[in-house]
PDB file of N, CA and C in Angstrom:
ATOM      1  N   MET A   1     111.638  63.223   9.708  1.00  0.00           N
ATOM      2  CA  MET A   1     112.444  62.151  10.243  1.00  0.00           C
ATOM      3  C   MET A   1     111.592  61.316  11.200  1.00  0.00           C
ATOM      4  N   GLY A   2     111.804  60.025  11.131  1.00  0.00           N
ATOM      5  CA  GLY A   2     111.118  59.117  12.030  1.00  0.00           C
ATOM      6  C   GLY A   2     111.865  58.981  13.338  1.00  0.00           C
ATOM      7  N   GLU A   3     111.303  58.203  14.235  1.00  0.00           N
ATOM      8  CA  GLU A   3     111.935  58.013  15.543  1.00  0.00           C
ATOM      9  C   GLU A   3     113.329  57.410  15.429  1.00  0.00           C
ATOM     10  N   ASN A   4     113.559  56.579  14.421  1.00  0.00           N
ATOM     11  CA  ASN A   4     114.861  55.938  14.255  1.00  0.00           C
ATOM     12  C   ASN A   4     115.764  56.719  13.311  1.00  0.00           C
ATOM     13  N   ALA A   5     115.461  58.010  13.106  1.00  0.00           N
ATOM     14  CA  ALA A   5     116.223  58.923  12.252  1.00  0.00           C
ATOM     15  C   ALA A   5     116.137  58.569  10.772  1.00  0.00           C
ATOM     16  N   ALA A   6     115.184  57.759  10.387  1.00  0.00           N
ATOM     17  CA  ALA A   6     114.973  57.457   8.975  1.00  0.00           C
ATOM     18  C   ALA A   6     114.184  58.600   8.334  1.00  0.00           C
ATOM     19  N   VAL A   7     114.530  58.912   7.102  1.00  0.00           N
ATOM     20  CA  VAL A   7     113.815  59.956   6.379  1.00  0.00           C
ATOM     21  C   VAL A   7     112.420  59.445   6.042  1.00  0.00           C
ATOM     22  N   MET A   8     111.406  60.179   6.472  1.00  0.00           N
ATOM     23  CA  MET A   8     110.022  59.780   6.243  1.00  0.00           C
ATOM     24  C   MET A   8     109.447  60.460   5.001  1.00  0.00           C
ATOM     25  N   PHE A   9     109.856  61.685   4.759  1.00  0.00           N
ATOM     26  CA  PHE A   9     109.354  62.445   3.619  1.00  0.00           C
ATOM     27  C   PHE A   9     110.412  63.454   3.234  1.00  0.00           C
ATOM     28  N   ASN A  10     110.723  63.525   1.951  1.00  0.00           N
ATOM     29  CA  ASN A  10     111.787  64.389   1.466  1.00  0.00           C
ATOM     30  C   ASN A  10     111.239  65.266   0.346  1.00  0.00           C
ATOM     31  N   LEU A  11     111.338  66.574   0.505  1.00  0.00           N
ATOM     32  CA  LEU A  11     110.830  67.492  -0.507  1.00  0.00           C
ATOM     33  C   LEU A  11     111.807  67.742  -1.652  1.00  0.00           C
ATOM     34  N   ALA A  12     113.021  67.258  -1.543  1.00  0.00           N
ATOM     35  CA  ALA A  12     114.033  67.525  -2.572  1.00  0.00           C
ATOM     36  C   ALA A  12     113.578  67.157  -3.993  1.00  0.00           C
ATOM     37  N   PRO A  13     112.892  66.038  -4.199  1.00  0.00           N
ATOM     38  CA  PRO A  13     112.456  65.728  -5.566  1.00  0.00           C
ATOM     39  C   PRO A  13     111.455  66.726  -6.149  1.00  0.00           C
ATOM     40  N   TYR A  14     110.903  67.595  -5.311  1.00  0.00           N
ATOM     41  CA  TYR A  14     109.916  68.572  -5.773  1.00  0.00           C
ATOM     42  C   TYR A  14     110.507  69.981  -5.892  1.00  0.00           C
ATOM     43  N   ALA A  15     111.807  70.090  -5.903  1.00  0.00           N
ATOM     44  CA  ALA A  15     112.477  71.390  -5.946  1.00  0.00           C
ATOM     45  C   ALA A  15     112.169  72.165  -7.228  1.00  0.00           C
ATOM     46  N   TYR A  16     111.723  71.482  -8.258  1.00  0.00           N
ATOM     47  CA  TYR A  16     111.394  72.148  -9.519  1.00  0.00           C
ATOM     48  C   TYR A  16     110.153  73.043  -9.392  1.00  0.00           C
ATOM     49  N   LEU A  17     109.447  72.990  -8.284  1.00  0.00           N
ATOM     50  CA  LEU A  17     108.233  73.773  -8.088  1.00  0.00           C
ATOM     51  C   LEU A  17     108.502  75.128  -7.436  1.00  0.00           C
ATOM     52  N   THR A  18     109.637  75.731  -7.718  1.00  0.00           N
ATOM     53  CA  THR A  18     109.946  77.035  -7.140  1.00  0.00           C
ATOM     54  C   THR A  18     108.988  78.085  -7.695  1.00  0.00           C
ATOM     55  N   ASP A  19     108.859  79.203  -6.975  1.00  0.00           N
ATOM     56  CA  ASP A  19     107.919  80.253  -7.389  1.00  0.00           C
ATOM     57  C   ASP A  19     108.221  80.836  -8.766  1.00  0.00           C
ATOM     58  N   ASP A  20     109.487  80.832  -9.162  1.00  0.00           N
ATOM     59  CA  ASP A  20     109.832  81.429 -10.451  1.00  0.00           C
ATOM     60  C   ASP A  20     109.914  80.406 -11.591  1.00  0.00           C
ATOM     61  N   ALA A  21     109.599  79.151 -11.309  1.00  0.00           N
ATOM     62  CA  ALA A  21     109.658  78.123 -12.354  1.00  0.00           C
ATOM     63  C   ALA A  21     108.526  78.329 -13.356  1.00  0.00           C
ATOM     64  N   PRO A  22     108.844  78.328 -14.639  1.00  0.00           N
ATOM     65  CA  PRO A  22     107.789  78.519 -15.644  1.00  0.00           C
ATOM     66  C   PRO A  22     106.881  77.291 -15.744  1.00  0.00           C
ATOM     67  N   CYS A  23     105.642  77.551 -16.049  1.00  0.00           N
ATOM     68  CA  CYS A  23     104.668  76.473 -16.204  1.00  0.00           C
ATOM     69  C   CYS A  23     104.934  75.733 -17.508  1.00  0.00           C
ATOM     70  N   PRO A  24     105.095  74.422 -17.464  1.00  0.00           N
ATOM     71  CA  PRO A  24     105.283  73.656 -18.707  1.00  0.00           C
ATOM     72  C   PRO A  24     104.017  73.713 -19.575  1.00  0.00           C
ATOM     73  N   ASP A  25     104.187  73.576 -20.858  1.00  0.00           N
ATOM     74  CA  ASP A  25     103.050  73.600 -21.786  1.00  0.00           C
ATOM     75  C   ASP A  25     102.071  72.462 -21.534  1.00  0.00           C
ATOM     76  N   THR A  26     102.526  71.402 -20.916  1.00  0.00           N
ATOM     77  CA  THR A  26     101.697  70.217 -20.699  1.00  0.00           C
ATOM     78  C   THR A  26     100.892  70.266 -19.400  1.00  0.00           C
ATOM     79  N   VAL A  27     100.990  71.377 -18.655  1.00  0.00           N
ATOM     80  CA  VAL A  27     100.321  71.483 -17.352  1.00  0.00           C
ATOM     81  C   VAL A  27      99.381  72.684 -17.362  1.00  0.00           C
ATOM     82  N   ASN A  28      98.195  72.505 -16.801  1.00  0.00           N
ATOM     83  CA  ASN A  28      97.254  73.599 -16.641  1.00  0.00           C
ATOM     84  C   ASN A  28      97.888  74.645 -15.719  1.00  0.00           C
ATOM     85  N   PRO A  29      97.917  75.925 -16.119  1.00  0.00           N
ATOM     86  CA  PRO A  29      98.569  76.954 -15.297  1.00  0.00           C
ATOM     87  C   PRO A  29      98.015  77.064 -13.874  1.00  0.00           C
ATOM     88  N   SER A  30      96.717  76.858 -13.700  1.00  0.00           N
ATOM     89  CA  SER A  30      96.140  76.928 -12.348  1.00  0.00           C
ATOM     90  C   SER A  30      96.649  75.787 -11.472  1.00  0.00           C
ATOM     91  N   LEU A  31      96.754  74.595 -12.042  1.00  0.00           N
ATOM     92  CA  LEU A  31      97.267  73.456 -11.282  1.00  0.00           C
ATOM     93  C   LEU A  31      98.744  73.622 -10.978  1.00  0.00           C
ATOM     94  N   TRP A  32      99.493  74.195 -11.913  1.00  0.00           N
ATOM     95  CA  TRP A  32     100.919  74.452 -11.688  1.00  0.00           C
ATOM     96  C   TRP A  32     101.098  75.415 -10.514  1.00  0.00           C
ATOM     97  N   ARG A  33     100.321  76.496 -10.508  1.00  0.00           N
ATOM     98  CA  ARG A  33     100.439  77.471  -9.425  1.00  0.00           C
ATOM     99  C   ARG A  33     100.031  76.860  -8.084  1.00  0.00           C
ATOM    100  N   GLN A  34      98.979  76.060  -8.093  1.00  0.00           N
ATOM    101  CA  GLN A  34      98.560  75.397  -6.864  1.00  0.00           C
ATOM    102  C   GLN A  34      99.674  74.502  -6.339  1.00  0.00           C
ATOM    103  N   SER A  35     100.344  73.788  -7.213  1.00  0.00           N
ATOM    104  CA  SER A  35     101.458  72.929  -6.803  1.00  0.00           C
ATOM    105  C   SER A  35     102.585  73.749  -6.192  1.00  0.00           C
ATOM    106  N   GLN A  36     102.840  74.919  -6.764  1.00  0.00           N
ATOM    107  CA  GLN A  36     103.881  75.783  -6.214  1.00  0.00           C
ATOM    108  C   GLN A  36     103.508  76.282  -4.818  1.00  0.00           C
ATOM    109  N   VAL A  37     102.261  76.662  -4.640  1.00  0.00           N
ATOM    110  CA  VAL A  37     101.814  77.210  -3.354  1.00  0.00           C
ATOM    111  C   VAL A  37     101.831  76.139  -2.273  1.00  0.00           C
ATOM    112  N   ILE A  38     101.306  74.956  -2.545  1.00  0.00           N
ATOM    113  CA  ILE A  38     101.242  73.925  -1.511  1.00  0.00           C
ATOM    114  C   ILE A  38     102.591  73.260  -1.274  1.00  0.00           C
ATOM    115  N   HIS A  39     103.553  73.548  -2.125  1.00  0.00           N
ATOM    116  CA  HIS A  39     104.908  73.015  -1.943  1.00  0.00           C
ATOM    117  C   HIS A  39     105.552  73.574  -0.684  1.00  0.00           C
ATOM    118  N   GLU A  40     105.137  74.763  -0.278  1.00  0.00           N
ATOM    119  CA  GLU A  40     105.683  75.387   0.923  1.00  0.00           C
ATOM    120  C   GLU A  40     105.031  74.763   2.150  1.00  0.00           C
ATOM    121  N   GLY A  41     105.810  74.025   2.923  1.00  0.00           N
ATOM    122  CA  GLY A  41     105.279  73.346   4.092  1.00  0.00           C
ATOM    123  C   GLY A  41     105.121  74.263   5.286  1.00  0.00           C
ATOM    124  N   GLY A  42     104.371  73.802   6.261  1.00  0.00           N
ATOM    125  CA  GLY A  42     104.216  74.552   7.489  1.00  0.00           C
ATOM    126  C   GLY A  42     102.796  74.531   7.992  1.00  0.00           C
ATOM    127  N   LEU A  43     102.528  75.397   8.948  1.00  0.00           N
ATOM    128  CA  LEU A  43     101.218  75.528   9.565  1.00  0.00           C
ATOM    129  C   LEU A  43     100.499  76.700   8.911  1.00  0.00           C
ATOM    130  N   TYR A  44      99.301  76.443   8.418  1.00  0.00           N
ATOM    131  CA  TYR A  44      98.512  77.458   7.734  1.00  0.00           C
ATOM    132  C   TYR A  44      97.173  77.645   8.444  1.00  0.00           C
ATOM    133  N   LYS A  45      96.796  78.897   8.669  1.00  0.00           N
ATOM    134  CA  LYS A  45      95.472  79.201   9.206  1.00  0.00           C
ATOM    135  C   LYS A  45      94.561  79.418   8.010  1.00  0.00           C
ATOM    136  N   ASP A  46      93.604  78.518   7.813  1.00  0.00           N
ATOM    137  CA  ASP A  46      92.689  78.635   6.687  1.00  0.00           C
ATOM    138  C   ASP A  46      91.596  79.653   6.982  1.00  0.00           C
ATOM    139  N   THR A  47      91.062  79.610   8.160  1.00  0.00           N
ATOM    140  CA  THR A  47      90.055  80.548   8.634  1.00  0.00           C
ATOM    141  C   THR A  47      90.013  80.415  10.157  1.00  0.00           C
ATOM    142  N   ASP A  48      89.180  81.186  10.817  1.00  0.00           N
ATOM    143  CA  ASP A  48      89.098  81.074  12.277  1.00  0.00           C
ATOM    144  C   ASP A  48      88.789  79.637  12.675  1.00  0.00           C
ATOM    145  N   ARG A  49      89.604  79.097  13.560  1.00  0.00           N
ATOM    146  CA  ARG A  49      89.420  77.762  14.148  1.00  0.00           C
ATOM    147  C   ARG A  49      89.618  76.617  13.161  1.00  0.00           C
ATOM    148  N   LEU A  50      90.212  76.891  12.022  1.00  0.00           N
ATOM    149  CA  LEU A  50      90.505  75.844  11.041  1.00  0.00           C
ATOM    150  C   LEU A  50      91.917  76.056  10.506  1.00  0.00           C
ATOM    151  N   SER A  51      92.791  75.076  10.756  1.00  0.00           N
ATOM    152  CA  SER A  51      94.190  75.171  10.336  1.00  0.00           C
ATOM    153  C   SER A  51      94.609  73.890   9.637  1.00  0.00           C
ATOM    154  N   GLN A  52      95.698  73.992   8.872  1.00  0.00           N
ATOM    155  CA  GLN A  52      96.269  72.818   8.220  1.00  0.00           C
ATOM    156  C   GLN A  52      97.779  72.821   8.403  1.00  0.00           C
ATOM    157  N   VAL A  53      98.316  71.621   8.578  1.00  0.00           N
ATOM    158  CA  VAL A  53      99.758  71.422   8.510  1.00  0.00           C
ATOM    159  C   VAL A  53      99.995  70.760   7.166  1.00  0.00           C
ATOM    160  N   ARG A  54     100.808  71.403   6.332  1.00  0.00           N
ATOM    161  CA  ARG A  54     101.012  70.931   4.968  1.00  0.00           C
ATOM    162  C   ARG A  54     102.464  70.561   4.714  1.00  0.00           C
ATOM    163  N   ASN A  55     102.637  69.576   3.890  1.00  0.00           N
ATOM    164  CA  ASN A  55     103.924  69.164   3.342  1.00  0.00           C
ATOM    165  C   ASN A  55     104.905  68.582   4.347  1.00  0.00           C
ATOM    166  N   SER A  56     104.387  67.939   5.379  1.00  0.00           N
ATOM    167  CA  SER A  56     105.235  67.129   6.238  1.00  0.00           C
ATOM    168  C   SER A  56     105.126  65.683   5.807  1.00  0.00           C
ATOM    169  N   ASP A  57     104.279  65.450   4.820  1.00  0.00           N
ATOM    170  CA  ASP A  57     103.897  64.111   4.413  1.00  0.00           C
ATOM    171  C   ASP A  57     103.190  64.236   3.064  1.00  0.00           C
ATOM    172  N   ILE A  58     102.743  63.148   2.510  1.00  0.00           N
ATOM    173  CA  ILE A  58     101.992  63.228   1.259  1.00  0.00           C
ATOM    174  C   ILE A  58     100.550  63.693   1.495  1.00  0.00           C
ATOM    175  N   GLY A  59     100.130  63.747   2.747  1.00  0.00           N
ATOM    176  CA  GLY A  59      98.800  64.241   3.102  1.00  0.00           C
ATOM    177  C   GLY A  59      98.904  65.488   3.941  1.00  0.00           C
ATOM    178  N   ASN A  60      97.765  66.081   4.233  1.00  0.00           N
ATOM    179  CA  ASN A  60      97.703  67.245   5.107  1.00  0.00           C
ATOM    180  C   ASN A  60      97.045  66.839   6.416  1.00  0.00           C
ATOM    181  N   LEU A  61      97.334  67.580   7.459  1.00  0.00           N
ATOM    182  CA  LEU A  61      96.670  67.398   8.747  1.00  0.00           C
ATOM    183  C   LEU A  61      95.785  68.618   8.935  1.00  0.00           C
ATOM    184  N   THR A  62      94.477  68.417   8.941  1.00  0.00           N
ATOM    185  CA  THR A  62      93.542  69.512   9.125  1.00  0.00           C
ATOM    186  C   THR A  62      93.026  69.466  10.555  1.00  0.00           C
ATOM    187  N   VAL A  63      93.024  70.626  11.209  1.00  0.00           N
ATOM    188  CA  VAL A  63      92.628  70.712  12.611  1.00  0.00           C
ATOM    189  C   VAL A  63      91.514  71.743  12.758  1.00  0.00           C
ATOM    190  N   VAL A  64      90.394  71.298  13.322  1.00  0.00           N
ATOM    191  CA  VAL A  64      89.297  72.189  13.675  1.00  0.00           C
ATOM    192  C   VAL A  64      89.386  72.399  15.180  1.00  0.00           C
ATOM    193  N   GLU A  65      89.483  73.645  15.602  1.00  0.00           N
ATOM    194  CA  GLU A  65      89.601  73.941  17.026  1.00  0.00           C
ATOM    195  C   GLU A  65      88.215  74.153  17.627  1.00  0.00           C
ATOM    196  N   GLY A  66      87.768  73.194  18.422  1.00  0.00           N
ATOM    197  CA  GLY A  66      86.502  73.322  19.122  1.00  0.00           C
ATOM    198  C   GLY A  66      86.705  73.976  20.472  1.00  0.00           C
ATOM    199  N   ASP A  67      85.619  74.263  21.152  1.00  0.00           N
ATOM    200  CA  ASP A  67      85.717  74.899  22.474  1.00  0.00           C
ATOM    201  C   ASP A  67      86.440  74.011  23.479  1.00  0.00           C
ATOM    202  N   ASP A  68      86.181  72.702  23.418  1.00  0.00           N
ATOM    203  CA  ASP A  68      86.730  71.781  24.413  1.00  0.00           C
ATOM    204  C   ASP A  68      87.812  70.857  23.885  1.00  0.00           C
ATOM    205  N   GLY A  69      88.106  70.924  22.583  1.00  0.00           N
ATOM    206  CA  GLY A  69      89.111  70.024  22.038  1.00  0.00           C
ATOM    207  C   GLY A  69      89.279  70.200  20.544  1.00  0.00           C
ATOM    208  N   LEU A  70      90.149  69.377  19.996  1.00  0.00           N
ATOM    209  CA  LEU A  70      90.498  69.456  18.579  1.00  0.00           C
ATOM    210  C   LEU A  70      89.842  68.326  17.805  1.00  0.00           C
ATOM    211  N   ILE A  71      89.377  68.645  16.623  1.00  0.00           N
ATOM    212  CA  ILE A  71      88.874  67.644  15.693  1.00  0.00           C
ATOM    213  C   ILE A  71      89.914  67.546  14.588  1.00  0.00           C
ATOM    214  N   ILE A  72      90.483  66.359  14.436  1.00  0.00           N
ATOM    215  CA  ILE A  72      91.538  66.130  13.457  1.00  0.00           C
ATOM    216  C   ILE A  72      90.928  65.470  12.233  1.00  0.00           C
ATOM    217  N   ILE A  73      91.146  66.075  11.074  1.00  0.00           N
ATOM    218  CA  ILE A  73      90.657  65.527   9.810  1.00  0.00           C
ATOM    219  C   ILE A  73      91.875  65.186   8.958  1.00  0.00           C
ATOM    220  N   ASP A  74      91.970  63.951   8.524  1.00  0.00           N
ATOM    221  CA  ASP A  74      93.098  63.449   7.740  1.00  0.00           C
ATOM    222  C   ASP A  74      94.360  63.480   8.593  1.00  0.00           C
ATOM    223  N   THR A  75      94.748  62.345   9.064  1.00  0.00           N
ATOM    224  CA  THR A  75      95.852  62.255  10.015  1.00  0.00           C
ATOM    225  C   THR A  75      97.207  62.003   9.364  1.00  0.00           C
ATOM    226  N   MET A  76      97.346  62.350   8.096  1.00  0.00           N
ATOM    227  CA  MET A  76      98.562  62.102   7.336  1.00  0.00           C
ATOM    228  C   MET A  76      98.723  60.595   7.142  1.00  0.00           C
ATOM    229  N   SER A  77      99.887  60.160   6.704  1.00  0.00           N
ATOM    230  CA  SER A  77     100.029  58.739   6.386  1.00  0.00           C
ATOM    231  C   SER A  77     100.842  57.952   7.396  1.00  0.00           C
ATOM    232  N   GLY A  78     101.275  58.591   8.460  1.00  0.00           N
ATOM    233  CA  GLY A  78     102.067  57.873   9.447  1.00  0.00           C
ATOM    234  C   GLY A  78     102.068  58.576  10.790  1.00  0.00           C
ATOM    235  N   ILE A  79     102.558  57.873  11.780  1.00  0.00           N
ATOM    236  CA  ILE A  79     102.580  58.395  13.140  1.00  0.00           C
ATOM    237  C   ILE A  79     103.506  59.605  13.257  1.00  0.00           C
ATOM    238  N   GLU A  80     104.693  59.529  12.677  1.00  0.00           N
ATOM    239  CA  GLU A  80     105.680  60.609  12.834  1.00  0.00           C
ATOM    240  C   GLU A  80     105.186  61.931  12.263  1.00  0.00           C
ATOM    241  N   PRO A  81     104.711  61.974  11.012  1.00  0.00           N
ATOM    242  CA  PRO A  81     104.249  63.275  10.508  1.00  0.00           C
ATOM    243  C   PRO A  81     102.996  63.773  11.228  1.00  0.00           C
ATOM    244  N   ALA A  82     102.128  62.867  11.650  1.00  0.00           N
ATOM    245  CA  ALA A  82     100.932  63.281  12.404  1.00  0.00           C
ATOM    246  C   ALA A  82     101.346  63.885  13.746  1.00  0.00           C
ATOM    247  N   ARG A  83     102.291  63.265  14.420  1.00  0.00           N
ATOM    248  CA  ARG A  83     102.781  63.791  15.694  1.00  0.00           C
ATOM    249  C   ARG A  83     103.442  65.152  15.495  1.00  0.00           C
ATOM    250  N   GLN A  84     104.258  65.259  14.467  1.00  0.00           N
ATOM    251  CA  GLN A  84     104.932  66.521  14.168  1.00  0.00           C
ATOM    252  C   GLN A  84     103.902  67.624  13.884  1.00  0.00           C
ATOM    253  N   GLY A  85     102.894  67.299  13.098  1.00  0.00           N
ATOM    254  CA  GLY A  85     101.876  68.286  12.760  1.00  0.00           C
ATOM    255  C   GLY A  85     101.064  68.732  13.960  1.00  0.00           C
ATOM    256  N   LEU A  86     100.667  67.785  14.784  1.00  0.00           N
ATOM    257  CA  LEU A  86      99.888  68.131  15.980  1.00  0.00           C
ATOM    258  C   LEU A  86     100.735  68.936  16.962  1.00  0.00           C
ATOM    259  N   ASP A  87     102.003  68.581  17.109  1.00  0.00           N
ATOM    260  CA  ASP A  87     102.906  69.358  17.979  1.00  0.00           C
ATOM    261  C   ASP A  87     103.045  70.787  17.472  1.00  0.00           C
ATOM    262  N   LEU A  88     103.191  70.950  16.150  1.00  0.00           N
ATOM    263  CA  LEU A  88     103.318  72.280  15.553  1.00  0.00           C
ATOM    264  C   LEU A  88     102.065  73.104  15.823  1.00  0.00           C
ATOM    265  N   PHE A  89     100.904  72.481  15.662  1.00  0.00           N
ATOM    266  CA  PHE A  89      99.648  73.184  15.942  1.00  0.00           C
ATOM    267  C   PHE A  89      99.568  73.581  17.409  1.00  0.00           C
ATOM    268  N   ARG A  90      99.850  72.651  18.294  1.00  0.00           N
ATOM    269  CA  ARG A  90      99.737  72.926  19.734  1.00  0.00           C
ATOM    270  C   ARG A  90     100.717  74.003  20.199  1.00  0.00           C
ATOM    271  N   GLN A  91     101.894  74.052  19.608  1.00  0.00           N
ATOM    272  CA  GLN A  91     102.886  75.061  19.993  1.00  0.00           C
ATOM    273  C   GLN A  91     102.488  76.458  19.523  1.00  0.00           C
ATOM    274  N   ASN A  92     101.751  76.541  18.427  1.00  0.00           N
ATOM    275  CA  ASN A  92     101.485  77.844  17.817  1.00  0.00           C
ATOM    276  C   ASN A  92     100.034  78.320  17.882  1.00  0.00           C
ATOM    277  N   VAL A  93      99.098  77.408  18.146  1.00  0.00           N
ATOM    278  CA  VAL A  93      97.690  77.808  18.133  1.00  0.00           C
ATOM    279  C   VAL A  93      97.011  77.514  19.465  1.00  0.00           C
ATOM    280  N   ALA A  94      96.830  76.250  19.780  1.00  0.00           N
ATOM    281  CA  ALA A  94      96.123  75.892  21.017  1.00  0.00           C
ATOM    282  C   ALA A  94      96.545  74.499  21.474  1.00  0.00           C
ATOM    283  N   ASP A  95      96.801  74.376  22.743  1.00  0.00           N
ATOM    284  CA  ASP A  95      97.189  73.091  23.325  1.00  0.00           C
ATOM    285  C   ASP A  95      95.968  72.452  23.975  1.00  0.00           C
ATOM    286  N   LYS A  96      95.112  71.885  23.132  1.00  0.00           N
ATOM    287  CA  LYS A  96      93.884  71.251  23.606  1.00  0.00           C
ATOM    288  C   LYS A  96      93.947  69.756  23.309  1.00  0.00           C
ATOM    289  N   PRO A  97      93.159  68.973  24.020  1.00  0.00           N
ATOM    290  CA  PRO A  97      93.135  67.526  23.749  1.00  0.00           C
ATOM    291  C   PRO A  97      92.415  67.235  22.436  1.00  0.00           C
ATOM    292  N   VAL A  98      92.701  66.094  21.859  1.00  0.00           N
ATOM    293  CA  VAL A  98      92.007  65.660  20.659  1.00  0.00           C
ATOM    294  C   VAL A  98      90.647  65.108  21.092  1.00  0.00           C
ATOM    295  N   ALA A  99      89.583  65.662  20.537  1.00  0.00           N
ATOM    296  CA  ALA A  99      88.229  65.248  20.870  1.00  0.00           C
ATOM    297  C   ALA A  99      87.679  64.259  19.863  1.00  0.00           C
ATOM    298  N   ALA A 100      88.144  64.355  18.609  1.00  0.00           N
ATOM    299  CA  ALA A 100      87.631  63.450  17.553  1.00  0.00           C
ATOM    300  C   ALA A 100      88.633  63.379  16.414  1.00  0.00           C
ATOM    301  N   VAL A 101      88.586  62.251  15.712  1.00  0.00           N
ATOM    302  CA  VAL A 101      89.424  62.046  14.520  1.00  0.00           C
ATOM    303  C   VAL A 101      88.517  61.588  13.391  1.00  0.00           C
ATOM    304  N   ILE A 102      88.620  62.271  12.263  1.00  0.00           N
ATOM    305  CA  ILE A 102      87.846  61.900  11.084  1.00  0.00           C
ATOM    306  C   ILE A 102      88.816  61.463   9.999  1.00  0.00           C
TER     307      ILE A 102
END
């Protein structure tokens, strides 16, 4: 949701990507499974000091945690999802200032 309560991103059209949905004959099974896995939004720890916020937007927010600050890679496609993603990271991982944006 945006600041004015407008829907910014809605996952409802992607509901067909449930874990038990069979892979269509026209889709590579590996790509189908990847779509199912990334359909689940939230904060993901990829490895030490590297996290992603996924499915708040059509892009991901990747955060590298440095000693003195955060390096943000791919800031999503708008202010609202980027703010939501950074807030989620800060609440659950580290509340550090942004040192760089790529």
